[in-house]
Amino acid sequence: MPGAEAERQRSWNTAAVQPEEQFSYYREAICQAFMNLTPEPARGTGFAAEVQHVSLGNGAINRVTFPEHIVRRSRSDIAASGERCFYLNLKLAGRCTILQDEHEVSLSAGQVGIFDSDRTFVLQHDRGPSLGVISFRVPADALFGRLPAERDVEPTRLSDDPCLDPLIVETARSLNANALRLASDDATALFDVLLDLVALSVSRRGRREAHATASFADATTLALRRAIHERLREPGLTVATIASVVGISERYVHKLLARAGTSFSELVMARRLDGVARDLRDPACAGHDIGRIAFDWGFSDLSHFTRRFKQRFGLRPRDWRVQSNSG
């Protein structure tokens, strides 16, 4: 696992080089982590910056901290780059102004914006000695595949969407915090949830509010399922906890899950049992007591756990483990 994790992340820190070399080191780092870019040298000597890159399937997370400066994407940068993508930026500190085509999009801390790698742009980072951004690289095909045909994606502050902004921001923060804690497939699945939310927000632009209710319900259901998934191991997980996390009422939690053909207790039970079943098949957990695994997945009553496990899989947990690891 440590080797696999190392393959998923890379990092650069200008503290590793002499002050007079720091900006050049930073420029090379962001070109490797992002794409061909042309940052403008900052005044004076020294440039305290750090870049962290985490792979997410065909996408990526880039976490960057830096002083005030400007980054440009020129026509020659575009010509020298590979596959087209979009960048989804969550501003952490300071301000970033995105200038692309005839659009000017300003992002403050906590706001999210999107822009295209296939068009020239200027990013003006200012308002603070130490600035920060979480930037998700979104393959163009992954976004266009979620949008109506021929839908153009202009540089946009998604934070202007009052329905979806809290969900997009929470999902982006959660993915950033847990990308390396989750298995690669789970992190990619959460990235897909984020892209679903972004696509809903982009496609909503220009629509009448009459179309918003279904989109909001779909987006909230995605956020609801993700919130449950992240907290499955918490004993005594309640509807009230999930409702508070997502920012909706308990009644609306029940309504959304009923709309999806399930209930809170059924969904939590099924996900927990699936988690135990995976661990019982995992050779890395072969020495773990079954009761310990069940407790780790939020079960507090072993007899109830065993009964529900057999109902779902047709075998007792012990027999499931033996069958899964035989041969």
C-alpha atoms as a PDB file:
ATOM      1  CA  MET A   1       0.000   0.000   0.000  1.00  0.00           C
ATOM      2  CA  PRO A   2       2.759   2.570   0.718  1.00  0.00           C
ATOM      3  CA  GLY A   3       4.122   2.004  -2.796  1.00  0.00           C
ATOM      4  CA  ALA A   4       0.681   2.399  -4.352  1.00  0.00           C
ATOM      5  CA  GLU A   5       0.115   5.603  -2.379  1.00  0.00           C
ATOM      6  CA  ALA A   6       3.463   6.990  -3.536  1.00  0.00           C
ATOM      7  CA  GLU A   7       2.437   6.378  -7.149  1.00  0.00           C
ATOM      8  CA  ARG A   8      -0.705   8.439  -6.601  1.00  0.00           C
ATOM      9  CA  GLN A   9       1.041  11.541  -5.248  1.00  0.00           C
ATOM     10  CA  ARG A  10       3.983  13.803  -5.954  1.00  0.00           C
ATOM     11  CA  SER A  11       5.110  16.947  -4.200  1.00  0.00           C
ATOM     12  CA  TRP A  12       7.460  19.880  -4.667  1.00  0.00           C
ATOM     13  CA  ASN A  13       8.560  22.463  -2.100  1.00  0.00           C
ATOM     14  CA  THR A  14      10.697  25.463  -2.974  1.00  0.00           C
ATOM     15  CA  ALA A  15      12.327  25.258   0.462  1.00  0.00           C
ATOM     16  CA  ALA A  16      14.427  22.463  -1.063  1.00  0.00           C
ATOM     17  CA  VAL A  17      16.356  24.904  -3.286  1.00  0.00           C
ATOM     18  CA  GLN A  18      18.261  28.156  -2.928  1.00  0.00           C
ATOM     19  CA  PRO A  19      16.161  31.381  -2.827  1.00  0.00           C
ATOM     20  CA  GLU A  20      17.388  32.566  -6.215  1.00  0.00           C
ATOM     21  CA  GLU A  21      16.260  29.254  -7.778  1.00  0.00           C
ATOM     22  CA  GLN A  22      12.879  29.006  -6.062  1.00  0.00           C
ATOM     23  CA  PHE A  23      10.695  30.661  -8.686  1.00  0.00           C
ATOM     24  CA  SER A  24      12.181  28.561 -11.496  1.00  0.00           C
ATOM     25  CA  TYR A  25      11.632  25.452  -9.378  1.00  0.00           C
ATOM     26  CA  TYR A  26       8.007  26.497  -8.786  1.00  0.00           C
ATOM     27  CA  ARG A  27       7.461  27.134 -12.505  1.00  0.00           C
ATOM     28  CA  GLU A  28       8.712  23.647 -13.365  1.00  0.00           C
ATOM     29  CA  ALA A  29       6.591  22.103 -10.603  1.00  0.00           C
ATOM     30  CA  ILE A  30       3.296  23.612 -11.756  1.00  0.00           C
ATOM     31  CA  CYS A  31       4.031  22.675 -15.365  1.00  0.00           C
ATOM     32  CA  GLN A  32       4.498  19.063 -14.270  1.00  0.00           C
ATOM     33  CA  ALA A  33       1.499  19.024 -11.943  1.00  0.00           C
ATOM     34  CA  PHE A  34      -0.892  20.976 -14.199  1.00  0.00           C
ATOM     35  CA  MET A  35       0.153  21.615 -17.798  1.00  0.00           C
ATOM     36  CA  ASN A  36       2.310  24.094 -19.719  1.00  0.00           C
ATOM     37  CA  LEU A  37       1.950  27.445 -17.938  1.00  0.00           C
ATOM     38  CA  THR A  38       3.862  30.718 -17.880  1.00  0.00           C
ATOM     39  CA  PRO A  39       3.984  32.253 -14.403  1.00  0.00           C
ATOM     40  CA  GLU A  40       5.398  35.754 -14.139  1.00  0.00           C
ATOM     41  CA  PRO A  41       8.405  36.096 -11.832  1.00  0.00           C
ATOM     42  CA  ALA A  42       7.663  37.696  -8.507  1.00  0.00           C
ATOM     43  CA  ARG A  43       9.650  40.723  -7.360  1.00  0.00           C
ATOM     44  CA  GLY A  44      12.698  40.138  -5.240  1.00  0.00           C
ATOM     45  CA  THR A  45      14.502  36.937  -4.349  1.00  0.00           C
ATOM     46  CA  GLY A  46      12.811  33.900  -2.914  1.00  0.00           C
ATOM     47  CA  PHE A  47       9.414  32.349  -3.592  1.00  0.00           C
ATOM     48  CA  ALA A  48       7.960  30.216  -0.763  1.00  0.00           C
ATOM     49  CA  ALA A  49       5.634  27.737  -2.487  1.00  0.00           C
ATOM     50  CA  GLU A  50       4.518  24.126  -2.258  1.00  0.00           C
ATOM     51  CA  VAL A  51       2.771  21.938  -4.847  1.00  0.00           C
ATOM     52  CA  GLN A  52       1.117  18.590  -4.106  1.00  0.00           C
ATOM     53  CA  HIS A  53      -0.316  16.426  -6.886  1.00  0.00           C
ATOM     54  CA  VAL A  54      -2.683  13.482  -6.268  1.00  0.00           C
ATOM     55  CA  SER A  55      -3.959  11.324  -9.132  1.00  0.00           C
ATOM     56  CA  LEU A  56      -7.694  10.561  -9.356  1.00  0.00           C
ATOM     57  CA  GLY A  57      -8.169   8.132 -12.231  1.00  0.00           C
ATOM     58  CA  ASN A  58      -7.886  10.325 -15.324  1.00  0.00           C
ATOM     59  CA  GLY A  59      -8.177  13.444 -13.174  1.00  0.00           C
ATOM     60  CA  ALA A  60      -6.116  14.901 -10.360  1.00  0.00           C
ATOM     61  CA  ILE A  61      -6.009  17.161  -7.333  1.00  0.00           C
ATOM     62  CA  ASN A  62      -3.363  19.867  -7.210  1.00  0.00           C
ATOM     63  CA  ARG A  63      -2.893  21.636  -3.868  1.00  0.00           C
ATOM     64  CA  VAL A  64      -0.793  24.763  -4.166  1.00  0.00           C
ATOM     65  CA  THR A  65       0.361  27.435  -1.715  1.00  0.00           C
ATOM     66  CA  PHE A  66       2.298  30.477  -2.946  1.00  0.00           C
ATOM     67  CA  PRO A  67       2.837  34.261  -2.625  1.00  0.00           C
ATOM     68  CA  GLU A  68       1.087  36.814  -4.842  1.00  0.00           C
ATOM     69  CA  HIS A  69       1.882  36.437  -8.563  1.00  0.00           C
ATOM     70  CA  ILE A  70       0.356  36.012 -12.032  1.00  0.00           C
ATOM     71  CA  VAL A  71       0.066  32.828 -14.121  1.00  0.00           C
ATOM     72  CA  ARG A  72      -0.599  32.898 -17.869  1.00  0.00           C
ATOM     73  CA  ARG A  73      -1.645  30.229 -20.341  1.00  0.00           C
ATOM     74  CA  SER A  74      -0.459  31.285 -23.806  1.00  0.00           C
ATOM     75  CA  ARG A  75      -1.249  29.940 -27.259  1.00  0.00           C
ATOM     76  CA  SER A  76       2.190  28.323 -27.376  1.00  0.00           C
ATOM     77  CA  ASP A  77       1.501  26.705 -23.978  1.00  0.00           C
ATOM     78  CA  ILE A  78      -1.732  25.271 -25.379  1.00  0.00           C
ATOM     79  CA  ALA A  79      -0.035  24.029 -28.550  1.00  0.00           C
ATOM     80  CA  ALA A  80       2.625  22.246 -26.491  1.00  0.00           C
ATOM     81  CA  SER A  81       0.112  20.581 -24.142  1.00  0.00           C
ATOM     82  CA  GLY A  82      -1.739  17.330 -24.450  1.00  0.00           C
ATOM     83  CA  GLU A  83      -5.333  16.437 -23.719  1.00  0.00           C
ATOM     84  CA  ARG A  84      -7.874  19.185 -23.093  1.00  0.00           C
ATOM     85  CA  CYS A  85      -9.200  19.542 -19.570  1.00  0.00           C
ATOM     86  CA  PHE A  86     -11.042  21.925 -17.276  1.00  0.00           C
ATOM     87  CA  TYR A  87      -9.755  23.202 -13.964  1.00  0.00           C
ATOM     88  CA  LEU A  88     -12.099  23.381 -11.001  1.00  0.00           C
ATOM     89  CA  ASN A  89     -10.520  25.695  -8.416  1.00  0.00           C
ATOM     90  CA  LEU A  90     -11.506  25.964  -4.762  1.00  0.00           C
ATOM     91  CA  LYS A  91      -9.833  29.063  -3.355  1.00  0.00           C
ATOM     92  CA  LEU A  92      -8.439  28.545   0.152  1.00  0.00           C
ATOM     93  CA  ALA A  93      -6.821  31.903   0.929  1.00  0.00           C
ATOM     94  CA  GLY A  94      -6.519  35.242  -0.815  1.00  0.00           C
ATOM     95  CA  ARG A  95      -8.199  36.110  -4.107  1.00  0.00           C
ATOM     96  CA  CYS A  96      -7.843  34.773  -7.644  1.00  0.00           C
ATOM     97  CA  THR A  97      -9.155  36.608 -10.706  1.00  0.00           C
ATOM     98  CA  ILE A  98      -9.616  34.385 -13.762  1.00  0.00           C
ATOM     99  CA  LEU A  99      -9.460  36.246 -17.087  1.00  0.00           C
ATOM    100  CA  GLN A 100     -10.518  34.124 -20.076  1.00  0.00           C
ATOM    101  CA  ASP A 101     -12.082  35.261 -23.368  1.00  0.00           C
ATOM    102  CA  GLU A 102     -14.312  38.189 -22.440  1.00  0.00           C
ATOM    103  CA  HIS A 103     -15.000  36.854 -18.953  1.00  0.00           C
ATOM    104  CA  GLU A 104     -13.613  37.937 -15.597  1.00  0.00           C
ATOM    105  CA  VAL A 105     -14.299  35.616 -12.648  1.00  0.00           C
ATOM    106  CA  SER A 106     -13.154  36.514  -9.140  1.00  0.00           C
ATOM    107  CA  LEU A 107     -12.789  33.840  -6.464  1.00  0.00           C
ATOM    108  CA  SER A 108     -12.411  34.550  -2.756  1.00  0.00           C
ATOM    109  CA  ALA A 109     -11.719  31.999  -0.024  1.00  0.00           C
ATOM    110  CA  GLY A 110     -14.356  29.254  -0.052  1.00  0.00           C
ATOM    111  CA  GLN A 111     -15.541  29.956  -3.600  1.00  0.00           C
ATOM    112  CA  VAL A 112     -15.272  27.597  -6.576  1.00  0.00           C
ATOM    113  CA  GLY A 113     -14.738  28.421 -10.243  1.00  0.00           C
ATOM    114  CA  ILE A 114     -14.151  26.497 -13.463  1.00  0.00           C
ATOM    115  CA  PHE A 115     -12.197  27.398 -16.614  1.00  0.00           C
ATOM    116  CA  ASP A 116     -10.902  25.766 -19.801  1.00  0.00           C
ATOM    117  CA  SER A 117      -7.307  24.670 -20.474  1.00  0.00           C
ATOM    118  CA  ASP A 118      -7.870  24.940 -24.236  1.00  0.00           C
ATOM    119  CA  ARG A 119      -8.250  28.741 -24.209  1.00  0.00           C
ATOM    120  CA  THR A 120      -5.715  31.324 -23.146  1.00  0.00           C
ATOM    121  CA  PHE A 121      -6.165  32.689 -19.660  1.00  0.00           C
ATOM    122  CA  VAL A 122      -4.589  34.815 -16.956  1.00  0.00           C
ATOM    123  CA  LEU A 123      -4.789  33.997 -13.239  1.00  0.00           C
ATOM    124  CA  GLN A 124      -4.113  36.927 -10.929  1.00  0.00           C
ATOM    125  CA  HIS A 125      -3.389  35.711  -7.381  1.00  0.00           C
ATOM    126  CA  ASP A 126      -3.416  38.475  -4.784  1.00  0.00           C
ATOM    127  CA  ARG A 127      -4.629  39.766  -1.409  1.00  0.00           C
ATOM    128  CA  GLY A 128      -2.291  38.007   0.955  1.00  0.00           C
ATOM    129  CA  PRO A 129       1.321  37.081   1.590  1.00  0.00           C
ATOM    130  CA  SER A 130       0.431  33.375   1.616  1.00  0.00           C
ATOM    131  CA  LEU A 131      -2.266  32.205  -0.808  1.00  0.00           C
ATOM    132  CA  GLY A 132      -3.720  28.775  -1.463  1.00  0.00           C
ATOM    133  CA  VAL A 133      -5.889  26.851  -3.899  1.00  0.00           C
ATOM    134  CA  ILE A 134      -7.156  23.313  -4.420  1.00  0.00           C
ATOM    135  CA  SER A 135      -7.358  22.746  -8.165  1.00  0.00           C
ATOM    136  CA  PHE A 136      -9.067  19.671  -9.633  1.00  0.00           C
ATOM    137  CA  ARG A 137      -8.063  18.658 -13.156  1.00  0.00           C
ATOM    138  CA  VAL A 138     -11.224  17.499 -14.933  1.00  0.00           C
ATOM    139  CA  PRO A 139     -10.804  15.657 -18.268  1.00  0.00           C
ATOM    140  CA  ALA A 140     -12.915  17.434 -20.893  1.00  0.00           C
ATOM    141  CA  ASP A 141     -14.614  14.198 -21.954  1.00  0.00           C
ATOM    142  CA  ALA A 142     -15.632  13.488 -18.358  1.00  0.00           C
ATOM    143  CA  LEU A 143     -17.409  16.850 -18.111  1.00  0.00           C
ATOM    144  CA  PHE A 144     -18.908  16.958 -21.604  1.00  0.00           C
ATOM    145  CA  GLY A 145     -20.238  13.429 -21.144  1.00  0.00           C
ATOM    146  CA  ARG A 146     -22.374  14.759 -18.290  1.00  0.00           C
ATOM    147  CA  LEU A 147     -23.705  17.800 -20.162  1.00  0.00           C
ATOM    148  CA  PRO A 148     -26.332  18.317 -22.869  1.00  0.00           C
ATOM    149  CA  ALA A 149     -24.942  18.048 -26.391  1.00  0.00           C
ATOM    150  CA  GLU A 150     -22.966  21.062 -27.601  1.00  0.00           C
ATOM    151  CA  ARG A 151     -23.142  22.736 -24.203  1.00  0.00           C
ATOM    152  CA  ASP A 152     -20.378  25.329 -23.948  1.00  0.00           C
ATOM    153  CA  VAL A 153     -18.549  25.729 -20.649  1.00  0.00           C
ATOM    154  CA  GLU A 154     -17.581  29.313 -19.997  1.00  0.00           C
ATOM    155  CA  PRO A 155     -15.335  30.399 -17.117  1.00  0.00           C
ATOM    156  CA  THR A 156     -17.791  30.499 -14.258  1.00  0.00           C
ATOM    157  CA  ARG A 157     -17.970  31.027 -10.514  1.00  0.00           C
ATOM    158  CA  LEU A 158     -20.044  28.018  -9.492  1.00  0.00           C
ATOM    159  CA  SER A 159     -20.494  29.642  -6.102  1.00  0.00           C
ATOM    160  CA  ASP A 160     -23.179  31.791  -7.738  1.00  0.00           C
ATOM    161  CA  ASP A 161     -25.472  28.741  -7.754  1.00  0.00           C
ATOM    162  CA  PRO A 162     -27.296  29.004  -4.404  1.00  0.00           C
ATOM    163  CA  CYS A 163     -28.590  25.437  -4.552  1.00  0.00           C
ATOM    164  CA  LEU A 164     -25.460  23.548  -5.508  1.00  0.00           C
ATOM    165  CA  ASP A 165     -22.598  25.691  -4.188  1.00  0.00           C
ATOM    166  CA  PRO A 166     -22.609  24.242  -0.622  1.00  0.00           C
ATOM    167  CA  LEU A 167     -22.692  20.699  -2.017  1.00  0.00           C
ATOM    168  CA  ILE A 168     -19.868  21.326  -4.488  1.00  0.00           C
ATOM    169  CA  VAL A 169     -17.676  22.994  -1.863  1.00  0.00           C
ATOM    170  CA  GLU A 170     -18.290  20.278   0.736  1.00  0.00           C
ATOM    171  CA  THR A 171     -17.623  17.485  -1.764  1.00  0.00           C
ATOM    172  CA  ALA A 172     -14.443  19.193  -3.007  1.00  0.00           C
ATOM    173  CA  ARG A 173     -13.146  19.675   0.544  1.00  0.00           C
ATOM    174  CA  SER A 174     -13.987  16.104   1.497  1.00  0.00           C
ATOM    175  CA  LEU A 175     -12.310  14.659  -1.587  1.00  0.00           C
ATOM    176  CA  ASN A 176      -9.221  16.759  -0.981  1.00  0.00           C
ATOM    177  CA  ALA A 177      -9.012  15.644   2.656  1.00  0.00           C
ATOM    178  CA  ASN A 178      -9.628  11.949   2.006  1.00  0.00           C
ATOM    179  CA  ALA A 179      -8.184  11.261  -1.450  1.00  0.00           C
ATOM    180  CA  LEU A 180      -5.237   9.269  -0.101  1.00  0.00           C
ATOM    181  CA  ARG A 181      -7.145   7.677   2.778  1.00  0.00           C
ATOM    182  CA  LEU A 182      -9.646   6.121   0.394  1.00  0.00           C
ATOM    183  CA  ALA A 183      -8.893   3.216  -1.904  1.00  0.00           C
ATOM    184  CA  SER A 184      -8.131   4.446  -5.418  1.00  0.00           C
ATOM    185  CA  ASP A 185     -11.501   3.243  -6.758  1.00  0.00           C
ATOM    186  CA  ASP A 186     -13.389   4.929  -3.902  1.00  0.00           C
ATOM    187  CA  ALA A 187     -11.549   8.213  -4.430  1.00  0.00           C
ATOM    188  CA  THR A 188     -12.360   8.076  -8.143  1.00  0.00           C
ATOM    189  CA  ALA A 189     -16.011   7.363  -7.323  1.00  0.00           C
ATOM    190  CA  LEU A 190     -16.135  10.425  -5.058  1.00  0.00           C
ATOM    191  CA  PHE A 191     -14.516  12.465  -7.839  1.00  0.00           C
ATOM    192  CA  ASP A 192     -17.348  11.301 -10.112  1.00  0.00           C
ATOM    193  CA  VAL A 193     -19.845  12.624  -7.549  1.00  0.00           C
ATOM    194  CA  LEU A 194     -18.098  16.000  -7.640  1.00  0.00           C
ATOM    195  CA  LEU A 195     -18.257  16.034 -11.449  1.00  0.00           C
ATOM    196  CA  ASP A 196     -21.967  15.191 -11.340  1.00  0.00           C
ATOM    197  CA  LEU A 197     -22.559  18.205  -9.114  1.00  0.00           C
ATOM    198  CA  VAL A 198     -20.445  20.484 -11.303  1.00  0.00           C
ATOM    199  CA  ALA A 199     -22.252  19.308 -14.444  1.00  0.00           C
ATOM    200  CA  LEU A 200     -25.613  19.959 -12.807  1.00  0.00           C
ATOM    201  CA  SER A 201     -24.509  23.468 -11.875  1.00  0.00           C
ATOM    202  CA  VAL A 202     -23.138  24.221 -15.353  1.00  0.00           C
ATOM    203  CA  SER A 203     -26.219  22.837 -17.102  1.00  0.00           C
ATOM    204  CA  ARG A 204     -28.532  24.845 -14.832  1.00  0.00           C
ATOM    205  CA  ARG A 205     -27.166  28.154 -16.063  1.00  0.00           C
ATOM    206  CA  GLY A 206     -29.779  29.888 -18.178  1.00  0.00           C
ATOM    207  CA  ARG A 207     -32.552  27.494 -17.153  1.00  0.00           C
ATOM    208  CA  ARG A 208     -35.773  28.544 -15.566  1.00  0.00           C
ATOM    209  CA  GLU A 209     -36.094  27.897 -11.824  1.00  0.00           C
ATOM    210  CA  ALA A 210     -38.820  25.402 -12.664  1.00  0.00           C
ATOM    211  CA  HIS A 211     -36.126  22.985 -13.713  1.00  0.00           C
ATOM    212  CA  ALA A 212     -34.080  23.490 -10.559  1.00  0.00           C
ATOM    213  CA  THR A 213     -36.036  21.352  -8.113  1.00  0.00           C
ATOM    214  CA  ALA A 214     -35.247  17.987  -9.714  1.00  0.00           C
ATOM    215  CA  SER A 215     -31.592  18.925 -10.196  1.00  0.00           C
ATOM    216  CA  PHE A 216     -31.301  20.016  -6.591  1.00  0.00           C
ATOM    217  CA  ALA A 217     -32.929  16.801  -5.363  1.00  0.00           C
ATOM    218  CA  ASP A 218     -30.577  14.691  -7.486  1.00  0.00           C
ATOM    219  CA  ALA A 219     -27.532  16.618  -6.329  1.00  0.00           C
ATOM    220  CA  THR A 220     -28.612  16.496  -2.688  1.00  0.00           C
ATOM    221  CA  THR A 221     -29.178  12.742  -2.910  1.00  0.00           C
ATOM    222  CA  LEU A 222     -25.618  12.324  -4.200  1.00  0.00           C
ATOM    223  CA  ALA A 223     -24.273  14.417  -1.319  1.00  0.00           C
ATOM    224  CA  LEU A 224     -26.464  12.482   1.123  1.00  0.00           C
ATOM    225  CA  ARG A 225     -25.152   9.107  -0.026  1.00  0.00           C
ATOM    226  CA  ARG A 226     -21.576  10.366   0.116  1.00  0.00           C
ATOM    227  CA  ALA A 227     -22.038  11.723   3.651  1.00  0.00           C
ATOM    228  CA  ILE A 228     -23.396   8.345   4.759  1.00  0.00           C
ATOM    229  CA  HIS A 229     -20.550   6.498   3.032  1.00  0.00           C
ATOM    230  CA  GLU A 230     -17.925   8.605   4.807  1.00  0.00           C
ATOM    231  CA  ARG A 231     -19.456   7.993   8.248  1.00  0.00           C
ATOM    232  CA  LEU A 232     -20.391   4.324   8.005  1.00  0.00           C
ATOM    233  CA  ARG A 233     -17.854   3.341  10.657  1.00  0.00           C
ATOM    234  CA  GLU A 234     -19.313   5.717  13.245  1.00  0.00           C
ATOM    235  CA  PRO A 235     -21.309   3.747  15.863  1.00  0.00           C
ATOM    236  CA  GLY A 236     -24.804   5.060  16.380  1.00  0.00           C
ATOM    237  CA  LEU A 237     -24.894   6.995  13.124  1.00  0.00           C
ATOM    238  CA  THR A 238     -28.202   8.869  12.969  1.00  0.00           C
ATOM    239  CA  VAL A 239     -30.382  10.640  10.449  1.00  0.00           C
ATOM    240  CA  ALA A 240     -29.909  13.821  12.484  1.00  0.00           C
ATOM    241  CA  THR A 241     -26.129  13.662  12.023  1.00  0.00           C
ATOM    242  CA  ILE A 242     -26.374  13.216   8.254  1.00  0.00           C
ATOM    243  CA  ALA A 243     -29.050  15.891   7.909  1.00  0.00           C
ATOM    244  CA  SER A 244     -26.811  18.344   9.762  1.00  0.00           C
ATOM    245  CA  VAL A 245     -23.784  17.511   7.587  1.00  0.00           C
ATOM    246  CA  VAL A 246     -25.669  17.957   4.306  1.00  0.00           C
ATOM    247  CA  GLY A 247     -27.591  20.974   5.569  1.00  0.00           C
ATOM    248  CA  ILE A 248     -31.131  19.661   5.126  1.00  0.00           C
ATOM    249  CA  SER A 249     -33.931  18.541   7.451  1.00  0.00           C
ATOM    250  CA  GLU A 250     -34.309  14.984   8.736  1.00  0.00           C
ATOM    251  CA  ARG A 251     -37.663  14.830   6.988  1.00  0.00           C
ATOM    252  CA  TYR A 252     -35.999  15.683   3.668  1.00  0.00           C
ATOM    253  CA  VAL A 253     -33.397  12.935   4.222  1.00  0.00           C
ATOM    254  CA  HIS A 254     -36.213  10.389   4.538  1.00  0.00           C
ATOM    255  CA  LYS A 255     -38.014  11.847   1.520  1.00  0.00           C
ATOM    256  CA  LEU A 256     -34.949  11.695  -0.752  1.00  0.00           C
ATOM    257  CA  LEU A 257     -34.069   8.138   0.241  1.00  0.00           C
ATOM    258  CA  ALA A 258     -37.686   6.998  -0.205  1.00  0.00           C
ATOM    259  CA  ARG A 259     -37.580   8.604  -3.656  1.00  0.00           C
ATOM    260  CA  ALA A 260     -34.527   6.429  -4.366  1.00  0.00           C
ATOM    261  CA  GLY A 261     -36.355   3.299  -3.168  1.00  0.00           C
ATOM    262  CA  THR A 262     -34.589   2.792   0.150  1.00  0.00           C
ATOM    263  CA  SER A 263     -34.467   4.074   3.726  1.00  0.00           C
ATOM    264  CA  PHE A 264     -31.726   5.411   5.967  1.00  0.00           C
ATOM    265  CA  SER A 265     -31.476   2.230   8.063  1.00  0.00           C
ATOM    266  CA  GLU A 266     -31.562  -0.044   4.995  1.00  0.00           C
ATOM    267  CA  LEU A 267     -28.856   1.942   3.219  1.00  0.00           C
ATOM    268  CA  VAL A 268     -26.547   2.085   6.252  1.00  0.00           C
ATOM    269  CA  MET A 269     -27.019  -1.624   6.967  1.00  0.00           C
ATOM    270  CA  ALA A 270     -26.332  -2.656   3.359  1.00  0.00           C
ATOM    271  CA  ARG A 271     -23.211  -0.490   3.082  1.00  0.00           C
ATOM    272  CA  ARG A 272     -21.836  -1.723   6.414  1.00  0.00           C
ATOM    273  CA  LEU A 273     -22.430  -5.363   5.538  1.00  0.00           C
ATOM    274  CA  ASP A 274     -20.715  -4.846   2.173  1.00  0.00           C
ATOM    275  CA  GLY A 275     -17.753  -3.318   3.984  1.00  0.00           C
ATOM    276  CA  VAL A 276     -17.450  -6.261   6.373  1.00  0.00           C
ATOM    277  CA  ALA A 277     -17.752  -8.718   3.487  1.00  0.00           C
ATOM    278  CA  ARG A 278     -14.892  -6.990   1.640  1.00  0.00           C
ATOM    279  CA  ASP A 279     -12.668  -7.069   4.720  1.00  0.00           C
ATOM    280  CA  LEU A 280     -13.382 -10.755   5.295  1.00  0.00           C
ATOM    281  CA  ARG A 281     -12.140 -11.432   1.746  1.00  0.00           C
ATOM    282  CA  ASP A 282      -9.078  -9.226   2.202  1.00  0.00           C
ATOM    283  CA  PRO A 283      -5.893 -11.224   3.003  1.00  0.00           C
ATOM    284  CA  ALA A 284      -4.612  -8.192   4.913  1.00  0.00           C
ATOM    285  CA  CYS A 285      -7.455  -8.719   7.421  1.00  0.00           C
ATOM    286  CA  ALA A 286      -6.979 -12.476   7.727  1.00  0.00           C
ATOM    287  CA  GLY A 287      -5.639 -12.167  11.272  1.00  0.00           C
ATOM    288  CA  HIS A 288      -8.412  -9.851  12.446  1.00  0.00           C
ATOM    289  CA  ASP A 289     -11.186 -11.197  14.626  1.00  0.00           C
ATOM    290  CA  ILE A 290     -14.599 -11.112  12.919  1.00  0.00           C
ATOM    291  CA  GLY A 291     -16.084  -9.264  15.870  1.00  0.00           C
ATOM    292  CA  ARG A 292     -13.410  -6.598  15.618  1.00  0.00           C
ATOM    293  CA  ILE A 293     -14.123  -6.120  11.909  1.00  0.00           C
ATOM    294  CA  ALA A 294     -17.843  -5.805  12.618  1.00  0.00           C
ATOM    295  CA  PHE A 295     -17.218  -3.239  15.373  1.00  0.00           C
ATOM    296  CA  ASP A 296     -14.916  -1.306  13.027  1.00  0.00           C
ATOM    297  CA  TRP A 297     -17.834  -1.003  10.592  1.00  0.00           C
ATOM    298  CA  GLY A 298     -20.161   0.451  13.214  1.00  0.00           C
ATOM    299  CA  PHE A 299     -21.961  -2.671  14.473  1.00  0.00           C
ATOM    300  CA  SER A 300     -22.510  -2.865  18.226  1.00  0.00           C
ATOM    301  CA  ASP A 301     -24.563  -6.074  18.502  1.00  0.00           C
ATOM    302  CA  LEU A 302     -22.714  -9.132  17.164  1.00  0.00           C
ATOM    303  CA  SER A 303     -25.702 -11.459  17.168  1.00  0.00           C
ATOM    304  CA  HIS A 304     -27.733  -8.922  15.190  1.00  0.00           C
ATOM    305  CA  PHE A 305     -24.793  -8.426  12.831  1.00  0.00           C
ATOM    306  CA  THR A 306     -24.416 -12.180  12.242  1.00  0.00           C
ATOM    307  CA  ARG A 307     -28.124 -12.599  11.548  1.00  0.00           C
ATOM    308  CA  ARG A 308     -28.234  -9.710   9.063  1.00  0.00           C
ATOM    309  CA  PHE A 309     -25.021 -10.857   7.374  1.00  0.00           C
ATOM    310  CA  LYS A 310     -26.481 -14.293   6.736  1.00  0.00           C
ATOM    311  CA  GLN A 311     -29.699 -12.774   5.431  1.00  0.00           C
ATOM    312  CA  ARG A 312     -27.745 -10.675   2.924  1.00  0.00           C
ATOM    313  CA  PHE A 313     -25.092 -13.153   1.795  1.00  0.00           C
ATOM    314  CA  GLY A 314     -26.591 -16.559   2.607  1.00  0.00           C
ATOM    315  CA  LEU A 315     -23.634 -17.522   4.819  1.00  0.00           C
ATOM    316  CA  ARG A 316     -22.469 -16.798   8.340  1.00  0.00           C
ATOM    317  CA  PRO A 317     -19.485 -14.415   8.461  1.00  0.00           C
ATOM    318  CA  ARG A 318     -17.089 -17.205   9.427  1.00  0.00           C
ATOM    319  CA  ASP A 319     -18.245 -19.419   6.554  1.00  0.00           C
ATOM    320  CA  TRP A 320     -18.056 -16.451   4.155  1.00  0.00           C
ATOM    321  CA  ARG A 321     -14.419 -15.866   5.142  1.00  0.00           C
ATOM    322  CA  VAL A 322     -13.519 -19.565   4.714  1.00  0.00           C
ATOM    323  CA  GLN A 323     -15.239 -19.784   1.333  1.00  0.00           C
ATOM    324  CA  SER A 324     -13.724 -16.528   0.086  1.00  0.00           C
ATOM    325  CA  ASN A 325     -10.181 -17.552   1.007  1.00  0.00           C
ATOM    326  CA  SER A 326     -10.310 -21.209   0.013  1.00  0.00           C
ATOM    327  CA  GLY A 327      -8.608 -22.128  -3.202  1.00  0.00           C
END
